Structures are given as C-alpha cells and as structure tokens.
Amino acid sequence: MRKLSVAAVLVLSLTLAATLATAGGFRGEPGGWIGPGPFAGNDTGGIIAWSPEIDPIYRDIAADHCAAYNKVAEITSAHRWYGDYIAFRCHFPRGYDPRKWMLYGPPLRALN
C-alpha cells in the first residue's frame, strides 16, 4: 500500500474545499447541491420546509426565530408532506407592555 505525502494530502484537501465552496456546499446556498434553504422568515413570521427530520423540532425552530424579536411563535399551518411548508407567525405575547419591558425586561416565560 502506498502512502501519500503530506503535500499530496494538502493538495487533495484544498481541492475538495475549493470544490465545495464554489458549488455552495451542503448548506443550500444558491448554486448548491441541495437547493434553497429549509427556512425563511422575518419579524412577522416565516415558513419551514417540512421533512421527517424537522417534524419533531419545528416548534422549537419557530420559537427561537421569534424570540430574537422578543415575540412568541404561533404555528398557523402544518402540512406534513414533502414539498409543503409549516407556516408560523410572530406576535407580541398577551399583556405586552413596552414600558414595563424597558424597566424590568421581558418576562421569563410567555405563554399563548
């Protein structure tokens, strides 16, 4: 069995890294192998592409996204088949008072 030199291994790894970078890699960037990303959203809500891997955690993904805007997530539609999306909206929790939030901070837990 032949051993590769350190230079050959370095050249092979740089070639692989350059190939992944130009193709968009596995992250779903434009020109990538997978296509568009499985998530899109802003401060009013968003959509998550459904897959069996996402099914147990889509509520957590929506909650984490809305928490960045100090809002809570509400799932508006969940169609569980390939090619469809789970939609959610972000809104302020019930009893939201911006003056209290400025003085005391957001509540520890907000429920819908």
N, C-alpha and C. Protein backbone atom coordinates (compact mmCIF):
# COMPACT_ATOMS: atom_id res chain seq x y z
N MET A 1 0.84 -1.17 0.00
CA MET A 1 0.00 0.00 0.00
C MET A 1 0.89 1.24 0.00
N ARG A 2 0.54 2.19 -0.80
CA ARG A 2 1.33 3.38 -0.95
C ARG A 2 0.87 4.48 -0.02
N LYS A 3 1.79 5.17 0.61
CA LYS A 3 1.45 6.27 1.49
C LYS A 3 1.53 7.57 0.70
N LEU A 4 0.59 8.47 1.00
CA LEU A 4 0.60 9.78 0.36
C LEU A 4 1.48 10.72 1.16
N SER A 5 2.14 11.59 0.45
CA SER A 5 2.96 12.58 1.14
C SER A 5 2.07 13.65 1.75
N VAL A 6 2.63 14.41 2.65
CA VAL A 6 1.88 15.49 3.30
C VAL A 6 1.44 16.51 2.26
N ALA A 7 2.27 16.79 1.28
CA ALA A 7 1.93 17.76 0.24
C ALA A 7 0.75 17.26 -0.61
N ALA A 8 0.74 15.97 -0.91
CA ALA A 8 -0.35 15.41 -1.71
C ALA A 8 -1.67 15.47 -0.94
N VAL A 9 -1.64 15.17 0.34
CA VAL A 9 -2.85 15.24 1.16
C VAL A 9 -3.34 16.68 1.24
N LEU A 10 -2.43 17.63 1.38
CA LEU A 10 -2.80 19.03 1.43
C LEU A 10 -3.44 19.49 0.13
N VAL A 11 -2.87 19.08 -0.99
CA VAL A 11 -3.43 19.46 -2.30
C VAL A 11 -4.82 18.87 -2.48
N LEU A 12 -4.99 17.60 -2.09
CA LEU A 12 -6.30 16.96 -2.22
C LEU A 12 -7.34 17.65 -1.33
N SER A 13 -6.97 17.99 -0.10
CA SER A 13 -7.93 18.63 0.79
C SER A 13 -8.29 20.03 0.32
N LEU A 14 -7.31 20.77 -0.21
CA LEU A 14 -7.61 22.11 -0.74
C LEU A 14 -8.49 22.04 -1.98
N THR A 15 -8.28 21.03 -2.80
CA THR A 15 -9.12 20.85 -3.99
C THR A 15 -10.56 20.54 -3.59
N LEU A 16 -10.73 19.67 -2.61
CA LEU A 16 -12.07 19.35 -2.13
C LEU A 16 -12.74 20.57 -1.51
N ALA A 17 -12.00 21.35 -0.73
CA ALA A 17 -12.56 22.56 -0.11
C ALA A 17 -12.97 23.58 -1.16
N ALA A 18 -12.16 23.75 -2.20
CA ALA A 18 -12.48 24.69 -3.27
C ALA A 18 -13.71 24.23 -4.05
N THR A 19 -13.84 22.94 -4.27
CA THR A 19 -15.00 22.40 -4.98
C THR A 19 -16.27 22.64 -4.19
N LEU A 20 -16.23 22.38 -2.89
CA LEU A 20 -17.40 22.62 -2.06
C LEU A 20 -17.75 24.10 -1.97
N ALA A 21 -16.76 24.95 -1.91
CA ALA A 21 -17.01 26.39 -1.81
C ALA A 21 -17.63 26.94 -3.08
N THR A 22 -17.18 26.49 -4.25
CA THR A 22 -17.74 27.01 -5.50
C THR A 22 -19.11 26.42 -5.79
N ALA A 23 -19.38 25.23 -5.30
CA ALA A 23 -20.68 24.60 -5.55
C ALA A 23 -21.72 25.03 -4.53
N GLY A 24 -21.35 25.78 -3.51
CA GLY A 24 -22.31 26.19 -2.50
C GLY A 24 -22.32 25.24 -1.32
N GLY A 25 -21.66 24.13 -1.46
CA GLY A 25 -21.54 23.19 -0.34
C GLY A 25 -22.85 22.53 0.02
N PHE A 26 -22.93 22.06 1.24
CA PHE A 26 -24.10 21.35 1.72
C PHE A 26 -25.09 22.29 2.41
N ARG A 27 -24.84 23.57 2.43
CA ARG A 27 -25.66 24.48 3.22
C ARG A 27 -26.89 24.98 2.47
N GLY A 28 -27.04 24.66 1.20
CA GLY A 28 -28.23 25.06 0.47
C GLY A 28 -28.17 26.48 -0.07
N GLU A 29 -26.97 26.99 -0.29
CA GLU A 29 -26.83 28.32 -0.85
C GLU A 29 -27.09 28.26 -2.36
N PRO A 30 -27.32 29.42 -2.98
CA PRO A 30 -27.56 29.39 -4.42
C PRO A 30 -26.41 28.70 -5.16
N GLY A 31 -26.75 27.79 -6.03
CA GLY A 31 -25.74 27.04 -6.76
C GLY A 31 -25.31 25.80 -5.99
N GLY A 32 -25.90 25.54 -4.85
CA GLY A 32 -25.53 24.39 -4.04
C GLY A 32 -26.17 23.11 -4.54
N TRP A 33 -25.89 22.04 -3.86
CA TRP A 33 -26.40 20.74 -4.27
C TRP A 33 -27.80 20.48 -3.76
N ILE A 34 -28.20 21.15 -2.72
CA ILE A 34 -29.49 20.85 -2.10
C ILE A 34 -30.58 21.78 -2.60
N GLY A 35 -30.26 23.00 -2.90
CA GLY A 35 -31.27 23.95 -3.32
C GLY A 35 -31.46 25.01 -2.25
N PRO A 36 -32.59 25.70 -2.26
CA PRO A 36 -32.79 26.76 -1.27
C PRO A 36 -32.88 26.18 0.13
N GLY A 37 -32.58 27.02 1.11
CA GLY A 37 -32.58 26.58 2.50
C GLY A 37 -33.96 26.16 2.97
N PRO A 38 -34.02 25.42 4.07
CA PRO A 38 -35.31 24.91 4.55
C PRO A 38 -36.08 25.90 5.41
N PHE A 39 -35.60 27.14 5.52
CA PHE A 39 -36.23 28.10 6.43
C PHE A 39 -36.16 29.50 5.85
N ALA A 40 -37.23 30.25 6.00
CA ALA A 40 -37.25 31.66 5.61
C ALA A 40 -38.17 32.40 6.56
N GLY A 41 -37.75 33.59 6.99
CA GLY A 41 -38.60 34.32 7.91
C GLY A 41 -38.10 35.72 8.19
N ASN A 42 -38.97 36.51 8.85
CA ASN A 42 -38.61 37.85 9.29
C ASN A 42 -39.33 38.11 10.61
N ASP A 43 -39.53 39.37 10.98
CA ASP A 43 -40.11 39.67 12.29
C ASP A 43 -41.61 39.39 12.38
N THR A 44 -42.27 39.14 11.27
CA THR A 44 -43.70 38.87 11.30
C THR A 44 -44.03 37.38 11.21
N GLY A 45 -43.06 36.55 10.87
CA GLY A 45 -43.31 35.12 10.77
C GLY A 45 -42.38 34.47 9.78
N GLY A 46 -42.76 33.29 9.30
CA GLY A 46 -41.92 32.61 8.33
C GLY A 46 -42.47 31.25 7.95
N ILE A 47 -41.67 30.52 7.18
CA ILE A 47 -42.03 29.17 6.76
C ILE A 47 -40.82 28.26 6.97
N ILE A 48 -41.14 26.98 7.23
CA ILE A 48 -40.12 25.95 7.41
C ILE A 48 -40.49 24.80 6.49
N ALA A 49 -39.57 24.37 5.64
CA ALA A 49 -39.83 23.25 4.75
C ALA A 49 -39.97 21.98 5.58
N TRP A 50 -41.03 21.20 5.33
CA TRP A 50 -41.29 20.01 6.12
C TRP A 50 -40.42 18.86 5.66
N SER A 51 -39.90 18.10 6.62
CA SER A 51 -39.24 16.83 6.37
C SER A 51 -39.38 16.01 7.65
N PRO A 52 -39.20 14.70 7.59
CA PRO A 52 -39.33 13.90 8.81
C PRO A 52 -38.33 14.30 9.89
N GLU A 53 -37.16 14.83 9.49
CA GLU A 53 -36.17 15.25 10.48
C GLU A 53 -36.60 16.53 11.19
N ILE A 54 -37.33 17.38 10.51
CA ILE A 54 -37.78 18.66 11.06
C ILE A 54 -39.04 18.49 11.91
N ASP A 55 -39.83 17.45 11.66
CA ASP A 55 -41.13 17.29 12.31
C ASP A 55 -41.08 17.39 13.84
N PRO A 56 -40.12 16.76 14.53
CA PRO A 56 -40.15 16.87 16.00
C PRO A 56 -39.67 18.22 16.53
N ILE A 57 -39.00 19.03 15.71
CA ILE A 57 -38.39 20.25 16.25
C ILE A 57 -38.86 21.54 15.58
N TYR A 58 -39.87 21.49 14.71
CA TYR A 58 -40.25 22.71 14.01
C TYR A 58 -40.80 23.78 14.96
N ARG A 59 -41.45 23.39 16.04
CA ARG A 59 -41.94 24.38 17.01
C ARG A 59 -40.77 25.11 17.69
N ASP A 60 -39.70 24.37 17.99
CA ASP A 60 -38.52 24.99 18.59
C ASP A 60 -37.84 25.96 17.62
N ILE A 61 -37.79 25.59 16.34
CA ILE A 61 -37.19 26.47 15.33
C ILE A 61 -37.97 27.76 15.25
N ALA A 62 -39.30 27.67 15.21
CA ALA A 62 -40.14 28.87 15.13
C ALA A 62 -40.00 29.71 16.40
N ALA A 63 -39.98 29.07 17.56
CA ALA A 63 -39.87 29.82 18.82
C ALA A 63 -38.53 30.53 18.92
N ASP A 64 -37.45 29.87 18.53
CA ASP A 64 -36.13 30.51 18.56
C ASP A 64 -36.06 31.70 17.62
N HIS A 65 -36.67 31.56 16.45
CA HIS A 65 -36.66 32.66 15.48
C HIS A 65 -37.42 33.86 16.03
N CYS A 66 -38.61 33.65 16.57
CA CYS A 66 -39.42 34.76 17.07
C CYS A 66 -38.83 35.36 18.34
N ALA A 67 -38.14 34.56 19.13
CA ALA A 67 -37.54 35.08 20.36
C ALA A 67 -36.47 36.13 20.06
N ALA A 68 -35.88 36.08 18.89
CA ALA A 68 -34.89 37.09 18.51
C ALA A 68 -35.53 38.47 18.39
N TYR A 69 -36.85 38.53 18.19
CA TYR A 69 -37.58 39.78 18.08
C TYR A 69 -38.43 40.05 19.33
N ASN A 70 -38.19 39.33 20.41
CA ASN A 70 -38.97 39.43 21.65
C ASN A 70 -40.45 39.16 21.40
N LYS A 71 -40.72 38.18 20.56
CA LYS A 71 -42.09 37.79 20.24
C LYS A 71 -42.25 36.30 20.47
N VAL A 72 -43.48 35.84 20.42
CA VAL A 72 -43.75 34.41 20.56
C VAL A 72 -44.26 33.88 19.22
N ALA A 73 -44.06 32.60 19.00
CA ALA A 73 -44.44 31.98 17.73
C ALA A 73 -45.80 31.29 17.84
N GLU A 74 -46.54 31.35 16.76
CA GLU A 74 -47.81 30.64 16.66
C GLU A 74 -47.82 29.91 15.32
N ILE A 75 -47.95 28.59 15.37
CA ILE A 75 -48.00 27.79 14.14
C ILE A 75 -49.36 28.02 13.49
N THR A 76 -49.37 28.44 12.24
CA THR A 76 -50.63 28.71 11.55
C THR A 76 -51.05 27.58 10.63
N SER A 77 -50.10 26.85 10.06
CA SER A 77 -50.44 25.69 9.25
C SER A 77 -49.27 24.72 9.25
N ALA A 78 -49.60 23.45 9.31
CA ALA A 78 -48.58 22.41 9.29
C ALA A 78 -49.06 21.30 8.35
N HIS A 79 -48.57 21.30 7.14
CA HIS A 79 -48.88 20.26 6.16
C HIS A 79 -47.71 19.30 6.13
N ARG A 80 -47.92 18.10 6.58
CA ARG A 80 -46.82 17.16 6.76
C ARG A 80 -46.65 16.24 5.54
N TRP A 81 -46.16 16.81 4.45
CA TRP A 81 -45.71 16.03 3.30
C TRP A 81 -44.65 16.82 2.56
N TYR A 82 -43.83 16.06 1.83
CA TYR A 82 -42.71 16.69 1.12
C TYR A 82 -43.22 17.72 0.12
N GLY A 83 -42.47 18.82 0.01
CA GLY A 83 -42.83 19.87 -0.93
C GLY A 83 -43.73 20.92 -0.33
N ASP A 84 -44.14 20.74 0.91
CA ASP A 84 -45.00 21.73 1.55
C ASP A 84 -44.29 22.33 2.76
N TYR A 85 -44.90 23.33 3.35
CA TYR A 85 -44.24 24.09 4.40
C TYR A 85 -45.08 24.13 5.67
N ILE A 86 -44.39 24.42 6.77
CA ILE A 86 -45.02 24.71 8.04
C ILE A 86 -44.93 26.23 8.20
N ALA A 87 -46.06 26.90 8.32
CA ALA A 87 -46.08 28.36 8.42
C ALA A 87 -46.29 28.77 9.87
N PHE A 88 -45.67 29.88 10.25
CA PHE A 88 -45.86 30.41 11.60
C PHE A 88 -45.84 31.92 11.54
N ARG A 89 -46.41 32.53 12.58
CA ARG A 89 -46.38 33.97 12.70
C ARG A 89 -45.78 34.35 14.04
N CYS A 90 -45.13 35.49 14.08
CA CYS A 90 -44.54 36.02 15.31
C CYS A 90 -45.40 37.19 15.78
N HIS A 91 -45.76 37.18 17.05
CA HIS A 91 -46.54 38.28 17.59
C HIS A 91 -46.14 38.53 19.03
N PHE A 92 -46.47 39.71 19.52
CA PHE A 92 -46.16 40.03 20.91
C PHE A 92 -47.08 39.22 21.82
N PRO A 93 -46.58 38.78 22.96
CA PRO A 93 -47.42 37.99 23.85
C PRO A 93 -48.55 38.82 24.46
N ARG A 94 -49.58 38.13 24.91
CA ARG A 94 -50.69 38.80 25.56
C ARG A 94 -50.18 39.57 26.78
N GLY A 95 -50.67 40.76 26.98
CA GLY A 95 -50.23 41.57 28.10
C GLY A 95 -48.92 42.30 27.87
N TYR A 96 -48.48 42.37 26.64
CA TYR A 96 -47.22 43.05 26.32
C TYR A 96 -47.34 44.53 26.63
N ASP A 97 -46.43 45.05 27.41
CA ASP A 97 -46.38 46.47 27.76
C ASP A 97 -44.95 46.94 27.56
N PRO A 98 -44.69 47.72 26.51
CA PRO A 98 -43.30 48.09 26.22
C PRO A 98 -42.64 48.87 27.35
N ARG A 99 -43.40 49.66 28.09
CA ARG A 99 -42.81 50.43 29.19
C ARG A 99 -42.30 49.50 30.30
N LYS A 100 -43.09 48.50 30.64
CA LYS A 100 -42.65 47.54 31.65
C LYS A 100 -41.45 46.74 31.16
N TRP A 101 -41.45 46.40 29.88
CA TRP A 101 -40.33 45.63 29.36
C TRP A 101 -39.05 46.46 29.38
N MET A 102 -39.16 47.77 29.16
CA MET A 102 -37.96 48.62 29.22
C MET A 102 -37.43 48.69 30.64
N LEU A 103 -38.32 48.74 31.63
CA LEU A 103 -37.89 48.86 33.02
C LEU A 103 -37.44 47.53 33.62
N TYR A 104 -38.23 46.47 33.39
CA TYR A 104 -37.99 45.20 34.07
C TYR A 104 -37.45 44.09 33.17
N GLY A 105 -37.47 44.31 31.88
CA GLY A 105 -37.02 43.27 30.96
C GLY A 105 -38.19 42.37 30.57
N PRO A 106 -37.99 41.49 29.57
CA PRO A 106 -39.08 40.61 29.16
C PRO A 106 -39.37 39.58 30.25
N PRO A 107 -40.59 39.02 30.22
CA PRO A 107 -40.91 38.00 31.22
C PRO A 107 -40.05 36.76 31.03
N LEU A 108 -39.94 35.97 32.07
CA LEU A 108 -39.13 34.75 31.97
C LEU A 108 -39.75 33.77 30.99
N ARG A 109 -41.08 33.70 30.96
CA ARG A 109 -41.74 32.77 30.05
C ARG A 109 -43.07 33.40 29.62
N ALA A 110 -43.31 33.43 28.33
CA ALA A 110 -44.57 33.97 27.80
C ALA A 110 -45.37 32.84 27.20
N LEU A 111 -46.62 32.73 27.57
CA LEU A 111 -47.49 31.69 27.04
C LEU A 111 -48.53 32.29 26.12
N ASN A 112 -48.94 31.52 25.14
CA ASN A 112 -50.03 31.96 24.25
C ASN A 112 -51.34 31.67 24.89
